[in-house]
């Protein structure tokens, strides 16, 4: 019986480790970054020859998911002791032992190799710049140990997605992509300020640094509002610079309404709807703006 059941159990255990690792890195949250990588890549394709380059788009997807997976795995490993002291994060897989540190590092290494491989297949400039994209991903979890503004490091890390998507298509630098990347960085940095508000007590008790821990929840929410106002300004600048049509401008109005809703439901004295603001609203922002951008490009002549 033992000899028969062990081989059958091994694959199940392996699948269980993979599922636990995917929960660890919250693979479904790729939805926050991918739409803007696609938005940049498809705009570059439209301006290039007006047709979708499917292989390039696939490699962009692989590269972005690979880099994000590496970043999340590294973040969880580096922060596991901090997570263990915080009641909200004490159930994470590295804290409970559902995923071992070794498994997390192996998964991170595989994801990093996938990212570098995809960058190499895209073009020489993407490969040359790939190591620079890795740096803020590793620095971010350490940021809360030496600065009150780790959210800015996260924003910088996320800003590289649209820039990379554009570089993947053209192999050359674009300031339009920088505008879009800056908007995305401020957007994600802003909602990270909101998300961090729920950990104020734990952060202060554990000497973890953040804007809410330093300036309070009200200060962090004011900072998030400023970030999202600047985000809208940069989105509008990008739309004008890239010659966007009316559909993208409609998308920007939808995003502005979503931001208003997000900031209306989270208040210093009521964080009960914070998860709705973080997961639902911000997921909607990414998907909605990409949808309007895609419709705009198709209306202007992008072909599949």
C-alpha atoms as a PDB file:
ATOM      1  CA  UNK A   1       0.000   0.000   0.000  1.00  0.00           C
ATOM      2  CA  UNK A   2       2.747   2.457   0.901  1.00  0.00           C
ATOM      3  CA  UNK A   3       4.728   1.735  -2.226  1.00  0.00           C
ATOM      4  CA  UNK A   4       1.690   2.382  -4.387  1.00  0.00           C
ATOM      5  CA  UNK A   5       0.386   5.513  -2.643  1.00  0.00           C
ATOM      6  CA  UNK A   6       3.657   7.444  -2.416  1.00  0.00           C
ATOM      7  CA  UNK A   7       4.178   7.987  -6.151  1.00  0.00           C
ATOM      8  CA  UNK A   8       0.536   8.948  -6.530  1.00  0.00           C
ATOM      9  CA  UNK A   9       0.783  11.400  -3.642  1.00  0.00           C
ATOM     10  CA  UNK A  10       3.941  13.102  -4.864  1.00  0.00           C
ATOM     11  CA  UNK A  11       2.354  14.952  -7.792  1.00  0.00           C
ATOM     12  CA  UNK A  12      -0.517  16.057  -5.565  1.00  0.00           C
ATOM     13  CA  UNK A  13       1.957  17.438  -3.068  1.00  0.00           C
ATOM     14  CA  UNK A  14       3.771  19.180  -5.909  1.00  0.00           C
ATOM     15  CA  UNK A  15       0.535  20.692  -7.214  1.00  0.00           C
ATOM     16  CA  UNK A  16      -0.299  21.780  -3.682  1.00  0.00           C
ATOM     17  CA  UNK A  17       3.017  23.593  -3.377  1.00  0.00           C
ATOM     18  CA  UNK A  18       2.431  25.331  -6.691  1.00  0.00           C
ATOM     19  CA  UNK A  19      -1.067  26.429  -5.626  1.00  0.00           C
ATOM     20  CA  UNK A  20       0.274  27.664  -2.288  1.00  0.00           C
ATOM     21  CA  UNK A  21       3.042  29.599  -4.072  1.00  0.00           C
ATOM     22  CA  UNK A  22       0.496  31.196  -6.429  1.00  0.00           C
ATOM     23  CA  UNK A  23      -1.569  32.250  -3.401  1.00  0.00           C
ATOM     24  CA  UNK A  24       1.606  33.633  -1.838  1.00  0.00           C
ATOM     25  CA  UNK A  25       2.315  35.893  -4.806  1.00  0.00           C
ATOM     26  CA  UNK A  26      -1.390  36.720  -5.345  1.00  0.00           C
ATOM     27  CA  UNK A  27      -1.067  35.982  -9.052  1.00  0.00           C
ATOM     28  CA  UNK A  28      -4.554  37.360  -9.753  1.00  0.00           C
ATOM     29  CA  UNK A  29      -3.375  40.876  -8.830  1.00  0.00           C
ATOM     30  CA  UNK A  30      -1.465  41.052 -12.108  1.00  0.00           C
ATOM     31  CA  UNK A  31      -4.666  42.713 -13.318  1.00  0.00           C
ATOM     32  CA  UNK A  32      -3.473  45.988 -11.759  1.00  0.00           C
ATOM     33  CA  UNK A  33      -0.369  46.313 -13.952  1.00  0.00           C
ATOM     34  CA  UNK A  34      -1.007  44.315 -17.130  1.00  0.00           C
ATOM     35  CA  UNK A  35      -3.656  46.600 -18.705  1.00  0.00           C
ATOM     36  CA  UNK A  36      -1.229  49.516 -18.802  1.00  0.00           C
ATOM     37  CA  UNK A  37       1.573  47.431 -20.278  1.00  0.00           C
ATOM     38  CA  UNK A  38      -0.892  46.383 -22.977  1.00  0.00           C
ATOM     39  CA  UNK A  39      -2.077  49.954 -23.416  1.00  0.00           C
ATOM     40  CA  UNK A  40       1.488  51.154 -24.080  1.00  0.00           C
ATOM     41  CA  UNK A  41       2.374  48.216 -26.314  1.00  0.00           C
ATOM     42  CA  UNK A  42      -0.786  48.477 -28.441  1.00  0.00           C
ATOM     43  CA  UNK A  43      -0.385  52.244 -28.824  1.00  0.00           C
ATOM     44  CA  UNK A  44       3.189  51.709 -30.008  1.00  0.00           C
ATOM     45  CA  UNK A  45       1.966  49.047 -32.458  1.00  0.00           C
ATOM     46  CA  UNK A  46      -0.697  51.425 -33.769  1.00  0.00           C
ATOM     47  CA  UNK A  47       1.860  54.168 -34.315  1.00  0.00           C
ATOM     48  CA  UNK A  48       4.291  51.699 -35.895  1.00  0.00           C
ATOM     49  CA  UNK A  49       2.334  49.894 -38.605  1.00  0.00           C
ATOM     50  CA  UNK A  50      -1.228  49.810 -37.267  1.00  0.00           C
ATOM     51  CA  UNK A  51      -1.354  46.052 -36.620  1.00  0.00           C
ATOM     52  CA  UNK A  52      -1.220  43.952 -33.467  1.00  0.00           C
ATOM     53  CA  UNK A  53       1.984  41.940 -33.082  1.00  0.00           C
ATOM     54  CA  UNK A  54       0.680  38.941 -31.181  1.00  0.00           C
ATOM     55  CA  UNK A  55       4.024  37.319 -30.353  1.00  0.00           C
ATOM     56  CA  UNK A  56       5.319  40.592 -28.918  1.00  0.00           C
ATOM     57  CA  UNK A  57       2.144  40.980 -26.876  1.00  0.00           C
ATOM     58  CA  UNK A  58       2.558  37.444 -25.528  1.00  0.00           C
ATOM     59  CA  UNK A  59       6.169  38.130 -24.540  1.00  0.00           C
ATOM     60  CA  UNK A  60       5.115  41.372 -22.831  1.00  0.00           C
ATOM     61  CA  UNK A  61       2.589  39.360 -20.823  1.00  0.00           C
ATOM     62  CA  UNK A  62       5.166  36.731 -19.851  1.00  0.00           C
ATOM     63  CA  UNK A  63       7.727  39.379 -18.907  1.00  0.00           C
ATOM     64  CA  UNK A  64       5.337  41.421 -16.759  1.00  0.00           C
ATOM     65  CA  UNK A  65       3.845  38.432 -14.944  1.00  0.00           C
ATOM     66  CA  UNK A  66       7.322  36.972 -14.419  1.00  0.00           C
ATOM     67  CA  UNK A  67       8.722  40.177 -12.941  1.00  0.00           C
ATOM     68  CA  UNK A  68       5.698  40.752 -10.735  1.00  0.00           C
ATOM     69  CA  UNK A  69       5.834  37.155  -9.473  1.00  0.00           C
ATOM     70  CA  UNK A  70       9.512  37.551  -8.613  1.00  0.00           C
ATOM     71  CA  UNK A  71       8.805  40.839  -6.835  1.00  0.00           C
ATOM     72  CA  UNK A  72       5.951  39.434  -4.754  1.00  0.00           C
ATOM     73  CA  UNK A  73       7.889  36.297  -3.764  1.00  0.00           C
ATOM     74  CA  UNK A  74      10.936  38.337  -2.759  1.00  0.00           C
ATOM     75  CA  UNK A  75       8.709  40.778  -0.873  1.00  0.00           C
ATOM     76  CA  UNK A  76       7.065  37.978   1.109  1.00  0.00           C
ATOM     77  CA  UNK A  77      10.405  36.390   2.012  1.00  0.00           C
ATOM     78  CA  UNK A  78      12.024  39.658   3.070  1.00  0.00           C
ATOM     79  CA  UNK A  79       8.951  40.749   5.061  1.00  0.00           C
ATOM     80  CA  UNK A  80       8.063  37.421   6.675  1.00  0.00           C
ATOM     81  CA  UNK A  81       9.108  38.510  10.190  1.00  0.00           C
ATOM     82  CA  UNK A  82       7.168  41.780   9.876  1.00  0.00           C
ATOM     83  CA  UNK A  83       4.169  39.844   8.557  1.00  0.00           C
ATOM     84  CA  UNK A  84       4.307  37.478  11.538  1.00  0.00           C
ATOM     85  CA  UNK A  85       3.924  40.416  13.964  1.00  0.00           C
ATOM     86  CA  UNK A  86       0.945  41.929  12.127  1.00  0.00           C
ATOM     87  CA  UNK A  87      -2.440  40.286  12.854  1.00  0.00           C
ATOM     88  CA  UNK A  88      -3.660  41.127   9.334  1.00  0.00           C
ATOM     89  CA  UNK A  89      -0.769  39.318   7.645  1.00  0.00           C
ATOM     90  CA  UNK A  90      -0.020  36.593  10.181  1.00  0.00           C
ATOM     91  CA  UNK A  91      -1.902  34.071   8.052  1.00  0.00           C
ATOM     92  CA  UNK A  92       0.328  34.489   5.008  1.00  0.00           C
ATOM     93  CA  UNK A  93       1.833  31.309   3.635  1.00  0.00           C
ATOM     94  CA  UNK A  94       5.444  31.922   4.704  1.00  0.00           C
ATOM     95  CA  UNK A  95       4.337  32.738   8.236  1.00  0.00           C
ATOM     96  CA  UNK A  96       2.113  29.670   8.624  1.00  0.00           C
ATOM     97  CA  UNK A  97       4.564  27.362   6.887  1.00  0.00           C
ATOM     98  CA  UNK A  98       2.251  26.555   3.957  1.00  0.00           C
ATOM     99  CA  UNK A  99       5.162  27.660   1.748  1.00  0.00           C
ATOM    100  CA  UNK A 100       8.777  27.221   2.816  1.00  0.00           C
ATOM    101  CA  UNK A 101      11.365  29.955   2.386  1.00  0.00           C
ATOM    102  CA  UNK A 102      13.271  27.636   0.052  1.00  0.00           C
ATOM    103  CA  UNK A 103      10.194  27.104  -2.145  1.00  0.00           C
ATOM    104  CA  UNK A 104       9.558  30.851  -2.246  1.00  0.00           C
ATOM    105  CA  UNK A 105      13.129  31.574  -3.340  1.00  0.00           C
ATOM    106  CA  UNK A 106      13.024  28.819  -5.958  1.00  0.00           C
ATOM    107  CA  UNK A 107       9.765  30.222  -7.305  1.00  0.00           C
ATOM    108  CA  UNK A 108      11.252  33.722  -7.321  1.00  0.00           C
ATOM    109  CA  UNK A 109      14.305  32.468  -9.208  1.00  0.00           C
ATOM    110  CA  UNK A 110      12.187  30.727 -11.829  1.00  0.00           C
ATOM    111  CA  UNK A 111      10.034  33.834 -12.265  1.00  0.00           C
ATOM    112  CA  UNK A 112      13.135  36.014 -12.638  1.00  0.00           C
ATOM    113  CA  UNK A 113      14.554  33.653 -15.262  1.00  0.00           C
ATOM    114  CA  UNK A 114      11.249  33.774 -17.151  1.00  0.00           C
ATOM    115  CA  UNK A 115      11.307  37.577 -17.071  1.00  0.00           C
ATOM    116  CA  UNK A 116      14.892  37.798 -18.333  1.00  0.00           C
ATOM    117  CA  UNK A 117      14.214  35.190 -21.000  1.00  0.00           C
ATOM    118  CA  UNK A 118      11.192  37.107 -22.299  1.00  0.00           C
ATOM    119  CA  UNK A 119      13.190  40.348 -22.299  1.00  0.00           C
ATOM    120  CA  UNK A 120      15.937  38.662 -24.303  1.00  0.00           C
ATOM    121  CA  UNK A 121      13.425  37.443 -26.876  1.00  0.00           C
ATOM    122  CA  UNK A 122      11.926  40.926 -27.260  1.00  0.00           C
ATOM    123  CA  UNK A 123      14.953  43.022 -28.231  1.00  0.00           C
ATOM    124  CA  UNK A 124      18.488  43.915 -27.040  1.00  0.00           C
ATOM    125  CA  UNK A 125      17.391  47.128 -25.291  1.00  0.00           C
ATOM    126  CA  UNK A 126      14.779  45.286 -23.216  1.00  0.00           C
ATOM    127  CA  UNK A 127      17.417  42.769 -22.126  1.00  0.00           C
ATOM    128  CA  UNK A 128      19.946  45.501 -21.328  1.00  0.00           C
ATOM    129  CA  UNK A 129      17.451  47.409 -19.183  1.00  0.00           C
ATOM    130  CA  UNK A 130      15.910  44.337 -17.539  1.00  0.00           C
ATOM    131  CA  UNK A 131      18.300  44.310 -14.540  1.00  0.00           C
ATOM    132  CA  UNK A 132      17.357  47.937 -13.803  1.00  0.00           C
ATOM    133  CA  UNK A 133      13.708  46.893 -13.608  1.00  0.00           C
ATOM    134  CA  UNK A 134      14.575  44.309 -10.959  1.00  0.00           C
ATOM    135  CA  UNK A 135      16.258  46.769  -8.556  1.00  0.00           C
ATOM    136  CA  UNK A 136      13.170  48.620  -7.185  1.00  0.00           C
ATOM    137  CA  UNK A 137      11.355  45.296  -6.844  1.00  0.00           C
ATOM    138  CA  UNK A 138      13.953  44.180  -4.309  1.00  0.00           C
ATOM    139  CA  UNK A 139      14.471  47.587  -2.686  1.00  0.00           C
ATOM    140  CA  UNK A 140      10.739  48.119  -2.023  1.00  0.00           C
ATOM    141  CA  UNK A 141      10.314  45.657   0.882  1.00  0.00           C
ATOM    142  CA  UNK A 142      13.441  47.070   2.527  1.00  0.00           C
ATOM    143  CA  UNK A 143      12.124  50.613   2.030  1.00  0.00           C
ATOM    144  CA  UNK A 144       9.833  50.448   5.056  1.00  0.00           C
ATOM    145  CA  UNK A 145      12.963  49.956   7.162  1.00  0.00           C
ATOM    146  CA  UNK A 146      14.733  53.177   6.099  1.00  0.00           C
ATOM    147  CA  UNK A 147      12.152  55.633   4.724  1.00  0.00           C
ATOM    148  CA  UNK A 148       8.660  56.883   5.527  1.00  0.00           C
ATOM    149  CA  UNK A 149       7.882  56.770   1.797  1.00  0.00           C
ATOM    150  CA  UNK A 150       8.180  53.135   0.646  1.00  0.00           C
ATOM    151  CA  UNK A 151       5.019  53.756  -1.420  1.00  0.00           C
ATOM    152  CA  UNK A 152       7.112  55.933  -3.745  1.00  0.00           C
ATOM    153  CA  UNK A 153       9.463  53.007  -4.405  1.00  0.00           C
ATOM    154  CA  UNK A 154       6.465  50.832  -5.248  1.00  0.00           C
ATOM    155  CA  UNK A 155       5.197  53.527  -7.597  1.00  0.00           C
ATOM    156  CA  UNK A 156       8.579  53.663  -9.348  1.00  0.00           C
ATOM    157  CA  UNK A 157       8.570  49.887  -9.742  1.00  0.00           C
ATOM    158  CA  UNK A 158       5.084  49.924 -11.279  1.00  0.00           C
ATOM    159  CA  UNK A 159       5.869  52.893 -13.536  1.00  0.00           C
ATOM    160  CA  UNK A 160       8.287  50.731 -15.494  1.00  0.00           C
ATOM    161  CA  UNK A 161       5.526  48.462 -16.836  1.00  0.00           C
ATOM    162  CA  UNK A 162       4.176  50.822 -19.535  1.00  0.00           C
ATOM    163  CA  UNK A 163       7.696  51.971 -20.420  1.00  0.00           C
ATOM    164  CA  UNK A 164       8.723  48.348 -20.869  1.00  0.00           C
ATOM    165  CA  UNK A 165       5.636  47.594 -22.944  1.00  0.00           C
ATOM    166  CA  UNK A 166       6.503  50.413 -25.340  1.00  0.00           C
ATOM    167  CA  UNK A 167      10.188  49.435 -25.510  1.00  0.00           C
ATOM    168  CA  UNK A 168       9.167  45.856 -26.290  1.00  0.00           C
ATOM    169  CA  UNK A 169       7.504  47.023 -29.506  1.00  0.00           C
ATOM    170  CA  UNK A 170       9.804  49.790 -30.702  1.00  0.00           C
ATOM    171  CA  UNK A 171      13.177  49.001 -29.122  1.00  0.00           C
ATOM    172  CA  UNK A 172      13.586  52.733 -28.521  1.00  0.00           C
ATOM    173  CA  UNK A 173      12.847  55.286 -25.799  1.00  0.00           C
ATOM    174  CA  UNK A 174       9.519  57.149 -25.714  1.00  0.00           C
ATOM    175  CA  UNK A 175       8.540  60.085 -23.525  1.00  0.00           C
ATOM    176  CA  UNK A 176       4.882  59.282 -24.185  1.00  0.00           C
ATOM    177  CA  UNK A 177       5.482  55.953 -22.445  1.00  0.00           C
ATOM    178  CA  UNK A 178       7.165  57.801 -19.574  1.00  0.00           C
ATOM    179  CA  UNK A 179       4.045  59.936 -19.140  1.00  0.00           C
ATOM    180  CA  UNK A 180       1.860  56.836 -19.007  1.00  0.00           C
ATOM    181  CA  UNK A 181       4.280  55.081 -16.667  1.00  0.00           C
ATOM    182  CA  UNK A 182       4.408  58.091 -14.346  1.00  0.00           C
ATOM    183  CA  UNK A 183       0.604  58.158 -14.212  1.00  0.00           C
ATOM    184  CA  UNK A 184       0.505  54.459 -13.338  1.00  0.00           C
ATOM    185  CA  UNK A 185       3.215  54.887 -10.702  1.00  0.00           C
ATOM    186  CA  UNK A 186       1.345  57.703  -8.985  1.00  0.00           C
ATOM    187  CA  UNK A 187      -1.926  55.771  -9.212  1.00  0.00           C
ATOM    188  CA  UNK A 188      -0.503  52.657  -7.566  1.00  0.00           C
ATOM    189  CA  UNK A 189       1.554  54.635  -5.058  1.00  0.00           C
ATOM    190  CA  UNK A 190      -1.607  56.527  -4.143  1.00  0.00           C
ATOM    191  CA  UNK A 191      -3.737  53.483  -3.514  1.00  0.00           C
ATOM    192  CA  UNK A 192      -0.868  51.888  -1.586  1.00  0.00           C
ATOM    193  CA  UNK A 193      -1.133  54.882   0.764  1.00  0.00           C
ATOM    194  CA  UNK A 194      -4.785  53.991   1.270  1.00  0.00           C
ATOM    195  CA  UNK A 195      -4.064  50.296   1.759  1.00  0.00           C
ATOM    196  CA  UNK A 196      -1.340  50.995   4.322  1.00  0.00           C
ATOM    197  CA  UNK A 197      -3.806  52.863   6.543  1.00  0.00           C
ATOM    198  CA  UNK A 198      -5.128  49.601   7.971  1.00  0.00           C
ATOM    199  CA  UNK A 199      -1.697  48.754   9.424  1.00  0.00           C
ATOM    200  CA  UNK A 200      -0.997  51.984  11.314  1.00  0.00           C
ATOM    201  CA  UNK A 201      -1.137  50.466  14.811  1.00  0.00           C
ATOM    202  CA  UNK A 202       0.941  47.434  13.881  1.00  0.00           C
ATOM    203  CA  UNK A 203       3.487  49.507  11.955  1.00  0.00           C
ATOM    204  CA  UNK A 204       4.000  51.925  14.818  1.00  0.00           C
ATOM    205  CA  UNK A 205       4.317  49.105  17.341  1.00  0.00           C
ATOM    206  CA  UNK A 206       6.858  47.284  15.159  1.00  0.00           C
ATOM    207  CA  UNK A 207       8.810  50.370  14.014  1.00  0.00           C
ATOM    208  CA  UNK A 208       7.727  49.787  10.402  1.00  0.00           C
ATOM    209  CA  UNK A 209       7.902  53.030   8.465  1.00  0.00           C
ATOM    210  CA  UNK A 210       5.174  54.360   6.178  1.00  0.00           C
ATOM    211  CA  UNK A 211       3.288  57.569   5.456  1.00  0.00           C
ATOM    212  CA  UNK A 212       0.275  56.545   7.598  1.00  0.00           C
ATOM    213  CA  UNK A 213       2.564  55.537  10.478  1.00  0.00           C
ATOM    214  CA  UNK A 214       4.384  58.884  10.288  1.00  0.00           C
ATOM    215  CA  UNK A 215       1.570  61.330   9.414  1.00  0.00           C
ATOM    216  CA  UNK A 216      -1.571  59.449  10.426  1.00  0.00           C
ATOM    217  CA  UNK A 217      -4.471  58.083   8.413  1.00  0.00           C
ATOM    218  CA  UNK A 218      -5.861  61.515   7.525  1.00  0.00           C
ATOM    219  CA  UNK A 219      -2.480  62.646   6.198  1.00  0.00           C
ATOM    220  CA  UNK A 220      -2.102  59.474   4.132  1.00  0.00           C
ATOM    221  CA  UNK A 221      -5.554  59.863   2.596  1.00  0.00           C
ATOM    222  CA  UNK A 222      -4.798  63.478   1.691  1.00  0.00           C
ATOM    223  CA  UNK A 223      -1.588  62.289   0.053  1.00  0.00           C
ATOM    224  CA  UNK A 224      -3.517  59.642  -1.897  1.00  0.00           C
ATOM    225  CA  UNK A 225      -5.935  62.286  -3.181  1.00  0.00           C
ATOM    226  CA  UNK A 226      -3.022  64.412  -4.403  1.00  0.00           C
ATOM    227  CA  UNK A 227      -1.457  61.387  -6.093  1.00  0.00           C
ATOM    228  CA  UNK A 228      -4.674  60.562  -7.906  1.00  0.00           C
ATOM    229  CA  UNK A 229      -5.237  64.143  -9.029  1.00  0.00           C
ATOM    230  CA  UNK A 230      -1.737  64.114 -10.508  1.00  0.00           C
ATOM    231  CA  UNK A 231      -2.514  60.727 -12.042  1.00  0.00           C
ATOM    232  CA  UNK A 232      -5.473  62.169 -13.914  1.00  0.00           C
ATOM    233  CA  UNK A 233      -3.358  65.086 -15.110  1.00  0.00           C
ATOM    234  CA  UNK A 234      -0.665  62.757 -16.436  1.00  0.00           C
ATOM    235  CA  UNK A 235      -3.219  60.475 -18.087  1.00  0.00           C
ATOM    236  CA  UNK A 236      -4.641  63.536 -19.852  1.00  0.00           C
ATOM    237  CA  UNK A 237      -1.140  64.675 -20.872  1.00  0.00           C
ATOM    238  CA  UNK A 238      -0.437  61.196 -22.256  1.00  0.00           C
ATOM    239  CA  UNK A 239      -3.724  61.183 -24.181  1.00  0.00           C
ATOM    240  CA  UNK A 240      -2.920  64.550 -25.748  1.00  0.00           C
ATOM    241  CA  UNK A 241       0.707  63.650 -26.514  1.00  0.00           C
ATOM    242  CA  UNK A 242      -0.188  60.339 -28.152  1.00  0.00           C
ATOM    243  CA  UNK A 243      -2.994  61.847 -30.247  1.00  0.00           C
ATOM    244  CA  UNK A 244      -5.751  59.878 -28.545  1.00  0.00           C
ATOM    245  CA  UNK A 245      -9.287  59.985 -29.872  1.00  0.00           C
ATOM    246  CA  UNK A 246     -12.519  60.788 -28.006  1.00  0.00           C
ATOM    247  CA  UNK A 247     -13.038  57.288 -26.605  1.00  0.00           C
ATOM    248  CA  UNK A 248      -9.895  57.459 -24.470  1.00  0.00           C
ATOM    249  CA  UNK A 249     -11.018  60.823 -23.129  1.00  0.00           C
ATOM    250  CA  UNK A 250     -14.337  59.235 -22.153  1.00  0.00           C
ATOM    251  CA  UNK A 251     -12.316  56.557 -20.370  1.00  0.00           C
ATOM    252  CA  UNK A 252     -10.499  59.236 -18.414  1.00  0.00           C
ATOM    253  CA  UNK A 253     -13.841  60.642 -17.241  1.00  0.00           C
ATOM    254  CA  UNK A 254     -14.833  57.152 -16.066  1.00  0.00           C
ATOM    255  CA  UNK A 255     -11.535  56.830 -14.186  1.00  0.00           C
ATOM    256  CA  UNK A 256     -12.048  60.248 -12.586  1.00  0.00           C
ATOM    257  CA  UNK A 257     -15.483  59.122 -11.368  1.00  0.00           C
ATOM    258  CA  UNK A 258     -13.966  55.906  -9.982  1.00  0.00           C
ATOM    259  CA  UNK A 259     -11.340  57.902  -8.089  1.00  0.00           C
ATOM    260  CA  UNK A 260     -14.051  60.133  -6.619  1.00  0.00           C
ATOM    261  CA  UNK A 261     -15.949  57.061  -5.459  1.00  0.00           C
ATOM    262  CA  UNK A 262     -12.805  55.473  -4.017  1.00  0.00           C
ATOM    263  CA  UNK A 263     -11.995  58.522  -1.932  1.00  0.00           C
ATOM    264  CA  UNK A 264     -15.609  58.973  -0.852  1.00  0.00           C
ATOM    265  CA  UNK A 265     -15.876  55.504   0.700  1.00  0.00           C
ATOM    266  CA  UNK A 266     -12.616  55.613   2.671  1.00  0.00           C
ATOM    267  CA  UNK A 267     -12.426  58.166   5.477  1.00  0.00           C
ATOM    268  CA  UNK A 268     -10.047  58.617   8.409  1.00  0.00           C
ATOM    269  CA  UNK A 269     -12.793  57.550  10.835  1.00  0.00           C
ATOM    270  CA  UNK A 270     -14.135  54.704   8.672  1.00  0.00           C
ATOM    271  CA  UNK A 271     -11.846  52.196   6.930  1.00  0.00           C
ATOM    272  CA  UNK A 272     -14.513  49.497   6.745  1.00  0.00           C
ATOM    273  CA  UNK A 273     -14.719  49.728   2.950  1.00  0.00           C
ATOM    274  CA  UNK A 274     -10.984  49.935   2.359  1.00  0.00           C
ATOM    275  CA  UNK A 275     -10.792  46.529   0.661  1.00  0.00           C
ATOM    276  CA  UNK A 276     -13.558  47.562  -1.735  1.00  0.00           C
ATOM    277  CA  UNK A 277     -11.573  50.679  -2.605  1.00  0.00           C
ATOM    278  CA  UNK A 278      -8.338  48.739  -3.021  1.00  0.00           C
ATOM    279  CA  UNK A 279      -9.396  45.589  -4.845  1.00  0.00           C
ATOM    280  CA  UNK A 280     -12.658  46.428  -6.604  1.00  0.00           C
ATOM    281  CA  UNK A 281     -12.211  50.069  -7.577  1.00  0.00           C
ATOM    282  CA  UNK A 282      -8.573  49.856  -8.601  1.00  0.00           C
ATOM    283  CA  UNK A 283      -9.143  46.654 -10.540  1.00  0.00           C
ATOM    284  CA  UNK A 284     -11.954  48.449 -12.340  1.00  0.00           C
ATOM    285  CA  UNK A 285      -9.741  51.472 -13.099  1.00  0.00           C
ATOM    286  CA  UNK A 286      -7.113  49.373 -14.863  1.00  0.00           C
ATOM    287  CA  UNK A 287      -9.547  47.283 -16.881  1.00  0.00           C
ATOM    288  CA  UNK A 288     -11.868  50.172 -17.762  1.00  0.00           C
ATOM    289  CA  UNK A 289      -9.150  52.509 -18.987  1.00  0.00           C
ATOM    290  CA  UNK A 290      -7.540  49.742 -21.025  1.00  0.00           C
ATOM    291  CA  UNK A 291     -10.926  48.900 -22.524  1.00  0.00           C
ATOM    292  CA  UNK A 292     -11.546  52.478 -23.615  1.00  0.00           C
ATOM    293  CA  UNK A 293      -7.957  52.791 -24.892  1.00  0.00           C
ATOM    294  CA  UNK A 294      -8.365  49.618 -26.962  1.00  0.00           C
ATOM    295  CA  UNK A 295     -11.701  50.773 -28.403  1.00  0.00           C
ATOM    296  CA  UNK A 296     -10.111  54.121 -29.235  1.00  0.00           C
ATOM    297  CA  UNK A 297      -7.192  52.478 -31.049  1.00  0.00           C
ATOM    298  CA  UNK A 298      -9.529  50.193 -33.003  1.00  0.00           C
ATOM    299  CA  UNK A 299     -11.746  53.150 -33.955  1.00  0.00           C
ATOM    300  CA  UNK A 300      -8.625  54.932 -35.216  1.00  0.00           C
ATOM    301  CA  UNK A 301      -7.561  51.971 -37.363  1.00  0.00           C
ATOM    302  CA  UNK A 302      -5.692  49.388 -35.253  1.00  0.00           C
ATOM    303  CA  UNK A 303      -6.112  46.001 -36.931  1.00  0.00           C
ATOM    304  CA  UNK A 304      -5.815  42.501 -35.525  1.00  0.00           C
END
